Structures are given as C-alpha cells and as structure tokens.
C-alpha cells in the first residue's frame, strides 16, 4: 500500500471528524464564532470573491458571485478600514424568518471603521450537514 497517497485522505478525515467533534462539544454560539471571524477577516482584507466561496451553499445559489462582489463593495468601501471589532451578542435559533430550516447563530459585533466609528455588524451562520458553520448573511448598520 502506498502510504504517501493515503496520508492526505487520512489527514482530511481526521480534520473533518475533529471539526464535527468541536461543533458537537461547544455550544453553537461559541462554535460559530471562529468561522464568522475567519470569514470577516476575508471581507476586511477585500477578498470578496473568497468570502463568497466560503459562504453557505444556499446563499451562493441565491446570490451570485458577481452580485455579491458588487453589494459587499457598496457596503464596505465607504466605511474604510476596520479599526475595532468586539462581539456584542450571539444567539442560537432553529428558525429565522424567510430562511430555510436549519440551525442558525446570529452574531452581533460592535465595530469601528475608519469612516464610521460606531457601527454594528450582523453575521448569520448556518450549520451545514457536514457540521461546519458557514456564513449565510451579513449586514452593517
């Protein structure tokens, strides 16, 4: 047996089982926080295409890559650079108005941007069948 070819498969399987174990052990509000902040880092860096690729499949089917890029640029460009972000609240729910069935966590961040020092970001995540939390919605007030 060629272990060199088998090693990446084993590493992937262990990684997926670890992600599932973390999702099962941590409360949903905590388990969703890290994926949300990793996703926000992509948006903060202007990596809008990559942020779209990391979003939940239902969102990607509803909002195409080009439309997402246009909309997120309209939202984020006028704000300027991120200066501070602090988690304000996290709420778990099994249903959200207008959203498909699933398990959701809505995270609210108190955020400061270069041109808007008092903003609030809302990041909505959904738990996938693979037990991975993915962003399904984003808004800034």
Protein backbone atom coordinates (compact mmCIF):
# COMPACT_ATOMS: atom_id res chain seq x y z
CA UNK A 1 0.00 0.00 0.00
CA UNK A 2 1.28 3.45 -0.91
CA UNK A 3 1.09 5.45 2.33
CA UNK A 4 2.11 8.67 0.59
CA UNK A 5 -1.16 8.68 -1.33
CA UNK A 6 -3.22 7.61 1.66
CA UNK A 7 -1.83 10.23 4.07
CA UNK A 8 -3.79 13.23 2.67
CA UNK A 9 -7.03 11.22 2.88
CA UNK A 10 -6.34 10.28 6.49
CA UNK A 11 -5.45 13.86 7.41
CA UNK A 12 -8.65 15.14 5.75
CA UNK A 13 -10.78 12.52 7.52
CA UNK A 14 -9.22 13.38 10.89
CA UNK A 15 -9.72 17.09 10.24
CA UNK A 16 -13.38 16.64 9.36
CA UNK A 17 -14.01 14.42 12.36
CA UNK A 18 -12.26 16.97 14.59
CA UNK A 19 -14.41 19.80 13.16
CA UNK A 20 -17.52 17.72 13.81
CA UNK A 21 -16.36 16.94 17.33
CA UNK A 22 -15.74 20.63 18.06
CA UNK A 23 -19.18 21.54 16.68
CA UNK A 24 -20.77 18.85 18.87
CA UNK A 25 -18.89 19.79 22.08
CA UNK A 26 -19.02 23.58 22.03
CA UNK A 27 -22.27 25.47 22.42
CA UNK A 28 -23.43 26.64 18.95
CA UNK A 29 -22.84 30.30 19.82
CA UNK A 30 -19.17 29.54 20.55
CA UNK A 31 -18.67 27.05 17.70
CA UNK A 32 -19.91 29.59 15.12
CA UNK A 33 -17.73 32.46 16.34
CA UNK A 34 -14.41 31.31 14.87
CA UNK A 35 -15.78 30.62 11.34
CA UNK A 36 -17.53 34.00 11.44
CA UNK A 37 -14.36 35.84 12.37
CA UNK A 38 -12.30 33.97 9.76
CA UNK A 39 -14.90 34.97 7.17
CA UNK A 40 -14.93 38.58 8.39
CA UNK A 41 -11.14 38.66 8.00
CA UNK A 42 -11.60 37.86 4.29
CA UNK A 43 -14.10 40.70 3.93
CA UNK A 44 -11.85 43.07 5.91
CA UNK A 45 -9.00 42.25 3.51
CA UNK A 46 -11.18 42.97 0.47
CA UNK A 47 -11.16 39.30 -0.54
CA UNK A 48 -14.80 39.39 -1.57
CA UNK A 49 -14.70 36.51 -4.03
CA UNK A 50 -13.09 34.28 -1.41
CA UNK A 51 -15.68 35.35 1.16
CA UNK A 52 -18.46 34.36 -1.26
CA UNK A 53 -16.80 30.97 -1.82
CA UNK A 54 -16.80 30.36 1.95
CA UNK A 55 -20.50 31.16 2.38
CA UNK A 56 -23.31 28.65 2.81
CA UNK A 57 -24.42 26.86 -0.39
CA UNK A 58 -27.97 28.22 -0.15
CA UNK A 59 -26.63 31.79 -0.09
CA UNK A 60 -24.35 31.15 -3.08
CA UNK A 61 -27.30 29.76 -5.06
CA UNK A 62 -29.40 32.79 -4.19
CA UNK A 63 -26.73 35.49 -4.62
CA UNK A 64 -24.25 35.01 -7.44
CA UNK A 65 -20.56 35.78 -7.12
CA UNK A 66 -20.73 38.99 -9.20
CA UNK A 67 -23.77 40.32 -7.36
CA UNK A 68 -22.13 39.58 -4.00
CA UNK A 69 -18.97 41.39 -5.01
CA UNK A 70 -20.97 44.45 -6.13
CA UNK A 71 -23.13 44.51 -3.00
CA UNK A 72 -20.34 43.95 -0.48
CA UNK A 73 -18.23 46.66 -2.12
CA UNK A 74 -21.18 49.08 -1.80
CA UNK A 75 -21.41 48.22 1.89
CA UNK A 76 -17.77 48.10 2.91
CA UNK A 77 -15.85 50.54 0.69
CA UNK A 78 -17.41 53.74 2.15
CA UNK A 79 -16.67 52.51 5.70
CA UNK A 80 -12.90 52.46 5.26
CA UNK A 81 -10.60 50.15 7.17
CA UNK A 82 -11.63 48.19 10.23
CA UNK A 83 -10.27 49.71 13.44
CA UNK A 84 -12.02 47.59 16.08
CA UNK A 85 -14.49 44.71 16.39
CA UNK A 86 -15.98 43.29 19.57
CA UNK A 87 -18.60 40.58 19.94
CA UNK A 88 -21.75 42.06 21.47
CA UNK A 89 -24.13 39.09 21.35
CA UNK A 90 -24.61 35.58 19.98
CA UNK A 91 -27.98 33.90 19.62
CA UNK A 92 -28.82 30.36 18.53
CA UNK A 93 -32.07 29.58 16.72
CA UNK A 94 -33.60 26.72 14.76
CA UNK A 95 -35.58 29.09 12.55
CA UNK A 96 -35.18 32.53 11.05
CA UNK A 97 -37.84 34.46 9.14
CA UNK A 98 -37.55 33.82 5.40
CA UNK A 99 -34.71 31.32 5.81
CA UNK A 100 -34.71 27.59 5.11
CA UNK A 101 -34.94 25.15 8.02
CA UNK A 102 -31.71 24.71 9.88
CA UNK A 103 -29.63 25.63 12.88
CA UNK A 104 -28.52 29.26 12.98
CA UNK A 105 -26.35 31.51 15.06
CA UNK A 106 -26.68 35.27 14.74
CA UNK A 107 -23.63 37.18 15.92
CA UNK A 108 -23.74 40.93 16.52
CA UNK A 109 -20.45 42.83 16.64
CA UNK A 110 -19.83 46.37 17.82
CA UNK A 111 -17.49 47.57 15.13
CA UNK A 112 -15.50 50.70 14.38
CA UNK A 113 -14.39 51.58 10.88
CA UNK A 114 -12.17 54.40 9.66
CA UNK A 115 -15.18 56.41 8.35
CA UNK A 116 -17.86 55.04 10.69
CA UNK A 117 -16.61 54.76 14.26
CA UNK A 118 -19.89 53.35 15.65
CA UNK A 119 -21.25 50.51 13.54
CA UNK A 120 -22.93 47.20 14.19
CA UNK A 121 -22.26 44.11 12.09
CA UNK A 122 -24.70 41.20 11.96
CA UNK A 123 -23.29 37.89 10.79
CA UNK A 124 -25.70 34.98 10.39
CA UNK A 125 -24.31 31.45 10.20
CA UNK A 126 -25.97 28.14 9.40
CA UNK A 127 -24.74 24.70 10.43
CA UNK A 128 -24.10 22.53 7.37
CA UNK A 129 -24.78 18.81 7.09
CA UNK A 130 -21.02 18.38 7.47
CA UNK A 131 -21.29 20.09 10.89
CA UNK A 132 -19.40 23.16 9.68
CA UNK A 133 -20.75 26.63 10.42
CA UNK A 134 -20.87 28.87 7.33
CA UNK A 135 -21.94 32.47 6.86
CA UNK A 136 -25.42 32.78 5.38
CA UNK A 137 -25.92 36.52 5.80
CA UNK A 138 -24.15 39.78 6.57
CA UNK A 139 -25.29 43.32 7.27
CA UNK A 140 -23.82 46.55 8.66
CA UNK A 141 -25.82 49.27 10.44
